[in-house]
């Protein structure tokens, strides 16, 4: 946890938000622990602040009880809540949060793709369905919009663009829409389809990547 950026003690809202965003850039091991606990403990896709704290604490608390990393855990909780929560409802979408943490993790692209596959695969299996790929595309985009503090696409655009991503995957893999997809098949498609995705840093670039599924 030593590589987590410290949250600035400042009254400047922009600086504080920037430091929160920096807290989302963690080591692969941290991202993997969060995804693993989300799956194995069967956390809800929608949690309140208490549920978020429970998730992060369960994933990152040290096995050695003499070690206290509560400050680092609190930084991630506060940053995640500030960026991804819905203030009106007092809830947070855990899949959107975890998708962004995985995408920003300090690790090679193929390892981050594997964690995304683990996060969105059918529970109790090692395979994804068409709907799972669509959900992954939707959650990644929604999470990035919240990270950027940018206006998301209209609902119709989300549906069209994420369906196109899933359709493209199944077309390239030679699968019928009711077939399931293994990690091996998914990784070959995703590495080719999103090979330039690490350069996506703006809503405009993200839209370009998603719209290219039509090509």
C-alpha atoms as a PDB file:
ATOM      1  CA  UNK A   1       0.000   0.000   0.000  1.00  0.00           C
ATOM      2  CA  UNK A   2       3.002   2.303   0.215  1.00  0.00           C
ATOM      3  CA  UNK A   3       2.533   3.457  -3.385  1.00  0.00           C
ATOM      4  CA  UNK A   4      -0.916   4.965  -2.819  1.00  0.00           C
ATOM      5  CA  UNK A   5      -0.935   8.706  -3.292  1.00  0.00           C
ATOM      6  CA  UNK A   6      -1.576  10.671  -0.106  1.00  0.00           C
ATOM      7  CA  UNK A   7      -4.759  12.689  -0.079  1.00  0.00           C
ATOM      8  CA  UNK A   8      -3.887  16.375   0.123  1.00  0.00           C
ATOM      9  CA  UNK A   9      -5.006  18.285   3.187  1.00  0.00           C
ATOM     10  CA  UNK A  10      -6.218  21.273   1.226  1.00  0.00           C
ATOM     11  CA  UNK A  11      -9.345  23.332   0.828  1.00  0.00           C
ATOM     12  CA  UNK A  12      -8.819  23.526  -2.925  1.00  0.00           C
ATOM     13  CA  UNK A  13     -11.538  21.318  -4.413  1.00  0.00           C
ATOM     14  CA  UNK A  14      -9.641  20.629  -7.634  1.00  0.00           C
ATOM     15  CA  UNK A  15      -6.473  19.547  -5.842  1.00  0.00           C
ATOM     16  CA  UNK A  16      -8.458  17.335  -3.521  1.00  0.00           C
ATOM     17  CA  UNK A  17     -10.307  15.664  -6.403  1.00  0.00           C
ATOM     18  CA  UNK A  18      -7.024  15.179  -8.271  1.00  0.00           C
ATOM     19  CA  UNK A  19      -5.506  13.441  -5.263  1.00  0.00           C
ATOM     20  CA  UNK A  20      -8.610  11.240  -4.990  1.00  0.00           C
ATOM     21  CA  UNK A  21      -8.133  10.208  -8.622  1.00  0.00           C
ATOM     22  CA  UNK A  22      -4.483   9.398  -7.937  1.00  0.00           C
ATOM     23  CA  UNK A  23      -5.648   7.020  -5.209  1.00  0.00           C
ATOM     24  CA  UNK A  24      -7.329   4.943  -7.908  1.00  0.00           C
ATOM     25  CA  UNK A  25      -3.928   4.071  -9.409  1.00  0.00           C
ATOM     26  CA  UNK A  26      -2.861   1.034  -7.405  1.00  0.00           C
ATOM     27  CA  UNK A  27      -0.648  -2.013  -7.835  1.00  0.00           C
ATOM     28  CA  UNK A  28      -2.103  -5.011  -9.623  1.00  0.00           C
ATOM     29  CA  UNK A  29      -2.109  -6.998  -6.375  1.00  0.00           C
ATOM     30  CA  UNK A  30      -4.381  -4.432  -4.743  1.00  0.00           C
ATOM     31  CA  UNK A  31      -6.806  -4.438  -7.677  1.00  0.00           C
ATOM     32  CA  UNK A  32      -6.793  -8.256  -7.724  1.00  0.00           C
ATOM     33  CA  UNK A  33      -7.617  -8.461  -4.011  1.00  0.00           C
ATOM     34  CA  UNK A  34     -10.544  -6.069  -4.418  1.00  0.00           C
ATOM     35  CA  UNK A  35     -11.949  -8.031  -7.370  1.00  0.00           C
ATOM     36  CA  UNK A  36     -11.441 -11.366  -5.598  1.00  0.00           C
ATOM     37  CA  UNK A  37     -13.254 -10.294  -2.437  1.00  0.00           C
ATOM     38  CA  UNK A  38     -16.089  -8.750  -4.463  1.00  0.00           C
ATOM     39  CA  UNK A  39     -16.610 -12.114  -6.160  1.00  0.00           C
ATOM     40  CA  UNK A  40     -15.974 -14.578  -3.325  1.00  0.00           C
ATOM     41  CA  UNK A  41     -17.950 -12.624  -0.726  1.00  0.00           C
ATOM     42  CA  UNK A  42     -20.739 -11.992  -3.262  1.00  0.00           C
ATOM     43  CA  UNK A  43     -21.001  -8.256  -2.647  1.00  0.00           C
ATOM     44  CA  UNK A  44     -23.917  -6.424  -4.185  1.00  0.00           C
ATOM     45  CA  UNK A  45     -23.271  -4.401  -7.360  1.00  0.00           C
ATOM     46  CA  UNK A  46     -24.842  -1.475  -5.497  1.00  0.00           C
ATOM     47  CA  UNK A  47     -23.541  -0.613  -2.019  1.00  0.00           C
ATOM     48  CA  UNK A  48     -23.773   2.230   0.464  1.00  0.00           C
ATOM     49  CA  UNK A  49     -20.757   3.734   2.206  1.00  0.00           C
ATOM     50  CA  UNK A  50     -20.769   1.028   4.871  1.00  0.00           C
ATOM     51  CA  UNK A  51     -20.815  -1.699   2.225  1.00  0.00           C
ATOM     52  CA  UNK A  52     -17.965  -0.040   0.350  1.00  0.00           C
ATOM     53  CA  UNK A  53     -15.865   0.170   3.495  1.00  0.00           C
ATOM     54  CA  UNK A  54     -16.600  -3.482   4.245  1.00  0.00           C
ATOM     55  CA  UNK A  55     -15.475  -4.505   0.743  1.00  0.00           C
ATOM     56  CA  UNK A  56     -12.216  -2.557   0.839  1.00  0.00           C
ATOM     57  CA  UNK A  57     -11.425  -3.557   4.427  1.00  0.00           C
ATOM     58  CA  UNK A  58     -12.070  -7.255   3.737  1.00  0.00           C
ATOM     59  CA  UNK A  59      -9.786  -7.127   0.705  1.00  0.00           C
ATOM     60  CA  UNK A  60      -6.895  -5.086   2.030  1.00  0.00           C
ATOM     61  CA  UNK A  61      -6.681  -5.628   5.783  1.00  0.00           C
ATOM     62  CA  UNK A  62      -3.343  -7.278   6.626  1.00  0.00           C
ATOM     63  CA  UNK A  63      -3.200 -10.868   7.870  1.00  0.00           C
ATOM     64  CA  UNK A  64      -0.848  -9.712  10.599  1.00  0.00           C
ATOM     65  CA  UNK A  65      -3.169  -7.994  13.064  1.00  0.00           C
ATOM     66  CA  UNK A  66      -0.214  -6.054  14.455  1.00  0.00           C
ATOM     67  CA  UNK A  67      -0.014  -4.124  11.202  1.00  0.00           C
ATOM     68  CA  UNK A  68      -2.410  -1.206  10.920  1.00  0.00           C
ATOM     69  CA  UNK A  69      -3.193   0.000   7.400  1.00  0.00           C
ATOM     70  CA  UNK A  70      -6.539   1.570   8.275  1.00  0.00           C
ATOM     71  CA  UNK A  71      -5.343   4.958   7.007  1.00  0.00           C
ATOM     72  CA  UNK A  72      -4.573   3.552   3.550  1.00  0.00           C
ATOM     73  CA  UNK A  73      -7.918   1.737   3.459  1.00  0.00           C
ATOM     74  CA  UNK A  74      -9.708   4.926   4.426  1.00  0.00           C
ATOM     75  CA  UNK A  75      -7.997   6.803   1.577  1.00  0.00           C
ATOM     76  CA  UNK A  76      -9.322   4.328  -0.990  1.00  0.00           C
ATOM     77  CA  UNK A  77     -12.803   4.367   0.543  1.00  0.00           C
ATOM     78  CA  UNK A  78     -12.995   8.159   0.612  1.00  0.00           C
ATOM     79  CA  UNK A  79     -11.604   8.510  -2.898  1.00  0.00           C
ATOM     80  CA  UNK A  80     -13.927   5.846  -4.325  1.00  0.00           C
ATOM     81  CA  UNK A  81     -16.965   7.319  -2.636  1.00  0.00           C
ATOM     82  CA  UNK A  82     -16.143  10.841  -3.781  1.00  0.00           C
ATOM     83  CA  UNK A  83     -15.667   9.786  -7.409  1.00  0.00           C
ATOM     84  CA  UNK A  84     -18.197   6.998  -7.975  1.00  0.00           C
ATOM     85  CA  UNK A  85     -21.093   7.488  -5.557  1.00  0.00           C
ATOM     86  CA  UNK A  86     -24.525   8.842  -6.431  1.00  0.00           C
ATOM     87  CA  UNK A  87     -25.085  11.608  -3.833  1.00  0.00           C
ATOM     88  CA  UNK A  88     -28.846  11.680  -4.381  1.00  0.00           C
ATOM     89  CA  UNK A  89     -29.214   7.956  -3.663  1.00  0.00           C
ATOM     90  CA  UNK A  90     -26.301   7.514  -1.270  1.00  0.00           C
ATOM     91  CA  UNK A  91     -25.064   4.472  -3.202  1.00  0.00           C
ATOM     92  CA  UNK A  92     -22.134   3.382  -5.346  1.00  0.00           C
ATOM     93  CA  UNK A  93     -21.875   0.962  -8.269  1.00  0.00           C
ATOM     94  CA  UNK A  94     -19.075  -1.414  -7.291  1.00  0.00           C
ATOM     95  CA  UNK A  95     -18.579  -2.805 -10.793  1.00  0.00           C
ATOM     96  CA  UNK A  96     -17.975   0.668 -12.217  1.00  0.00           C
ATOM     97  CA  UNK A  97     -15.525   1.459  -9.420  1.00  0.00           C
ATOM     98  CA  UNK A  98     -13.634  -1.829  -9.718  1.00  0.00           C
ATOM     99  CA  UNK A  99     -13.519  -1.613 -13.522  1.00  0.00           C
ATOM    100  CA  UNK A 100     -11.779   1.765 -13.330  1.00  0.00           C
ATOM    101  CA  UNK A 101      -9.372   0.594 -10.620  1.00  0.00           C
ATOM    102  CA  UNK A 102      -8.449  -2.390 -12.794  1.00  0.00           C
ATOM    103  CA  UNK A 103      -8.037  -0.277 -15.939  1.00  0.00           C
ATOM    104  CA  UNK A 104      -5.758   2.154 -14.092  1.00  0.00           C
ATOM    105  CA  UNK A 105      -3.751  -0.522 -12.277  1.00  0.00           C
ATOM    106  CA  UNK A 106       0.022  -0.503 -12.626  1.00  0.00           C
ATOM    107  CA  UNK A 107       0.289  -3.681 -14.700  1.00  0.00           C
ATOM    108  CA  UNK A 108       0.530  -4.944 -18.305  1.00  0.00           C
ATOM    109  CA  UNK A 109      -2.664  -4.660 -20.346  1.00  0.00           C
ATOM    110  CA  UNK A 110      -3.216  -8.431 -20.605  1.00  0.00           C
ATOM    111  CA  UNK A 111      -3.179  -8.784 -16.802  1.00  0.00           C
ATOM    112  CA  UNK A 112      -5.716  -5.990 -16.434  1.00  0.00           C
ATOM    113  CA  UNK A 113      -7.891  -7.608 -19.101  1.00  0.00           C
ATOM    114  CA  UNK A 114      -7.825 -10.854 -17.117  1.00  0.00           C
ATOM    115  CA  UNK A 115      -9.096  -9.075 -14.003  1.00  0.00           C
ATOM    116  CA  UNK A 116     -11.884  -7.472 -16.048  1.00  0.00           C
ATOM    117  CA  UNK A 117     -12.817 -10.922 -17.331  1.00  0.00           C
ATOM    118  CA  UNK A 118     -12.879 -12.254 -13.759  1.00  0.00           C
ATOM    119  CA  UNK A 119     -15.004  -9.313 -12.621  1.00  0.00           C
ATOM    120  CA  UNK A 120     -17.689  -9.748 -15.279  1.00  0.00           C
ATOM    121  CA  UNK A 121     -17.726 -13.479 -16.041  1.00  0.00           C
ATOM    122  CA  UNK A 122     -20.764 -15.584 -15.116  1.00  0.00           C
ATOM    123  CA  UNK A 123     -20.713 -16.314 -11.402  1.00  0.00           C
ATOM    124  CA  UNK A 124     -19.528 -19.837 -10.647  1.00  0.00           C
ATOM    125  CA  UNK A 125     -18.056 -20.333 -14.120  1.00  0.00           C
ATOM    126  CA  UNK A 126     -14.954 -19.379 -16.080  1.00  0.00           C
ATOM    127  CA  UNK A 127     -16.901 -18.057 -19.052  1.00  0.00           C
ATOM    128  CA  UNK A 128     -18.647 -14.910 -20.232  1.00  0.00           C
ATOM    129  CA  UNK A 129     -21.879 -14.460 -22.127  1.00  0.00           C
ATOM    130  CA  UNK A 130     -22.839 -11.798 -24.661  1.00  0.00           C
ATOM    131  CA  UNK A 131     -24.649  -9.890 -21.896  1.00  0.00           C
ATOM    132  CA  UNK A 132     -21.544 -10.003 -19.683  1.00  0.00           C
ATOM    133  CA  UNK A 133     -19.382  -8.385 -22.359  1.00  0.00           C
ATOM    134  CA  UNK A 134     -22.036  -5.727 -22.845  1.00  0.00           C
ATOM    135  CA  UNK A 135     -22.158  -5.112 -19.074  1.00  0.00           C
ATOM    136  CA  UNK A 136     -18.365  -4.867 -18.927  1.00  0.00           C
ATOM    137  CA  UNK A 137     -18.342  -2.290 -21.735  1.00  0.00           C
ATOM    138  CA  UNK A 138     -21.139  -0.339 -20.030  1.00  0.00           C
ATOM    139  CA  UNK A 139     -19.515  -0.376 -16.577  1.00  0.00           C
ATOM    140  CA  UNK A 140     -16.090   0.643 -17.891  1.00  0.00           C
ATOM    141  CA  UNK A 141     -17.553   3.606 -19.763  1.00  0.00           C
ATOM    142  CA  UNK A 142     -19.779   4.718 -16.860  1.00  0.00           C
ATOM    143  CA  UNK A 143     -16.888   4.494 -14.430  1.00  0.00           C
ATOM    144  CA  UNK A 144     -14.606   6.525 -16.677  1.00  0.00           C
ATOM    145  CA  UNK A 145     -17.234   9.241 -17.092  1.00  0.00           C
ATOM    146  CA  UNK A 146     -17.462   9.530 -13.314  1.00  0.00           C
ATOM    147  CA  UNK A 147     -13.680   9.620 -13.007  1.00  0.00           C
ATOM    148  CA  UNK A 148     -13.526  12.397 -15.598  1.00  0.00           C
ATOM    149  CA  UNK A 149     -16.519  14.250 -14.108  1.00  0.00           C
ATOM    150  CA  UNK A 150     -17.936  14.266 -17.626  1.00  0.00           C
ATOM    151  CA  UNK A 151     -21.514  14.063 -18.892  1.00  0.00           C
ATOM    152  CA  UNK A 152     -22.203  10.432 -19.900  1.00  0.00           C
ATOM    153  CA  UNK A 153     -23.730   9.347 -23.163  1.00  0.00           C
ATOM    154  CA  UNK A 154     -27.484   9.218 -23.574  1.00  0.00           C
ATOM    155  CA  UNK A 155     -29.116   5.919 -22.595  1.00  0.00           C
ATOM    156  CA  UNK A 156     -29.828   5.039 -26.228  1.00  0.00           C
ATOM    157  CA  UNK A 157     -26.184   5.624 -27.158  1.00  0.00           C
ATOM    158  CA  UNK A 158     -24.997   3.455 -24.275  1.00  0.00           C
ATOM    159  CA  UNK A 159     -27.250   0.626 -25.385  1.00  0.00           C
ATOM    160  CA  UNK A 160     -26.245   0.907 -29.035  1.00  0.00           C
ATOM    161  CA  UNK A 161     -22.500   1.227 -28.445  1.00  0.00           C
ATOM    162  CA  UNK A 162     -22.183  -1.493 -25.798  1.00  0.00           C
ATOM    163  CA  UNK A 163     -24.291  -3.925 -27.813  1.00  0.00           C
ATOM    164  CA  UNK A 164     -22.016  -3.221 -30.774  1.00  0.00           C
ATOM    165  CA  UNK A 165     -18.957  -4.083 -28.656  1.00  0.00           C
ATOM    166  CA  UNK A 166     -20.479  -7.440 -27.631  1.00  0.00           C
ATOM    167  CA  UNK A 167     -21.707  -8.173 -31.171  1.00  0.00           C
ATOM    168  CA  UNK A 168     -18.227  -7.436 -32.523  1.00  0.00           C
ATOM    169  CA  UNK A 169     -16.690  -9.828 -29.988  1.00  0.00           C
ATOM    170  CA  UNK A 170     -18.992 -12.679 -30.932  1.00  0.00           C
ATOM    171  CA  UNK A 171     -18.573 -12.032 -34.651  1.00  0.00           C
ATOM    172  CA  UNK A 172     -14.775 -12.103 -34.407  1.00  0.00           C
ATOM    173  CA  UNK A 173     -14.830 -15.211 -32.225  1.00  0.00           C
ATOM    174  CA  UNK A 174     -17.266 -17.005 -34.543  1.00  0.00           C
ATOM    175  CA  UNK A 175     -19.777 -17.508 -31.745  1.00  0.00           C
ATOM    176  CA  UNK A 176     -23.567 -17.653 -31.712  1.00  0.00           C
ATOM    177  CA  UNK A 177     -25.225 -15.106 -29.428  1.00  0.00           C
ATOM    178  CA  UNK A 178     -26.252 -17.758 -26.905  1.00  0.00           C
ATOM    179  CA  UNK A 179     -22.753 -19.293 -26.722  1.00  0.00           C
ATOM    180  CA  UNK A 180     -20.379 -18.707 -23.816  1.00  0.00           C
ATOM    181  CA  UNK A 181     -16.823 -17.420 -24.166  1.00  0.00           C
ATOM    182  CA  UNK A 182     -13.672 -18.642 -22.393  1.00  0.00           C
ATOM    183  CA  UNK A 183     -10.844 -16.402 -21.193  1.00  0.00           C
ATOM    184  CA  UNK A 184      -8.605 -17.698 -23.984  1.00  0.00           C
ATOM    185  CA  UNK A 185     -11.101 -16.631 -26.670  1.00  0.00           C
ATOM    186  CA  UNK A 186     -11.925 -13.369 -24.927  1.00  0.00           C
ATOM    187  CA  UNK A 187      -8.274 -12.386 -24.451  1.00  0.00           C
ATOM    188  CA  UNK A 188      -7.387 -12.873 -28.120  1.00  0.00           C
ATOM    189  CA  UNK A 189     -10.310 -10.686 -29.186  1.00  0.00           C
ATOM    190  CA  UNK A 190      -9.860  -8.037 -26.475  1.00  0.00           C
ATOM    191  CA  UNK A 191      -6.104  -7.625 -26.957  1.00  0.00           C
ATOM    192  CA  UNK A 192      -6.689  -6.950 -30.648  1.00  0.00           C
ATOM    193  CA  UNK A 193      -9.879  -4.919 -30.284  1.00  0.00           C
ATOM    194  CA  UNK A 194      -8.566  -2.672 -27.476  1.00  0.00           C
ATOM    195  CA  UNK A 195      -4.845  -2.744 -28.210  1.00  0.00           C
ATOM    196  CA  UNK A 196      -4.730   1.072 -28.184  1.00  0.00           C
ATOM    197  CA  UNK A 197      -7.087   1.580 -25.255  1.00  0.00           C
ATOM    198  CA  UNK A 198      -4.364   2.660 -22.866  1.00  0.00           C
ATOM    199  CA  UNK A 199      -4.316   5.959 -24.802  1.00  0.00           C
ATOM    200  CA  UNK A 200      -7.982   6.636 -23.986  1.00  0.00           C
ATOM    201  CA  UNK A 201      -7.941   9.664 -21.710  1.00  0.00           C
ATOM    202  CA  UNK A 202     -10.947  11.719 -22.836  1.00  0.00           C
ATOM    203  CA  UNK A 203     -14.656  11.134 -23.480  1.00  0.00           C
ATOM    204  CA  UNK A 204     -14.057  11.858 -27.163  1.00  0.00           C
ATOM    205  CA  UNK A 205     -11.351   9.193 -27.433  1.00  0.00           C
ATOM    206  CA  UNK A 206     -13.523   6.701 -25.565  1.00  0.00           C
ATOM    207  CA  UNK A 207     -16.396   7.280 -27.969  1.00  0.00           C
ATOM    208  CA  UNK A 208     -14.057   6.756 -30.900  1.00  0.00           C
ATOM    209  CA  UNK A 209     -12.917   3.421 -29.471  1.00  0.00           C
ATOM    210  CA  UNK A 210     -16.481   2.246 -28.897  1.00  0.00           C
ATOM    211  CA  UNK A 211     -17.786   3.439 -32.262  1.00  0.00           C
ATOM    212  CA  UNK A 212     -14.999   1.584 -34.079  1.00  0.00           C
ATOM    213  CA  UNK A 213     -16.911  -1.620 -33.300  1.00  0.00           C
ATOM    214  CA  UNK A 214     -19.076  -0.727 -36.279  1.00  0.00           C
ATOM    215  CA  UNK A 215     -16.096  -0.865 -38.639  1.00  0.00           C
END
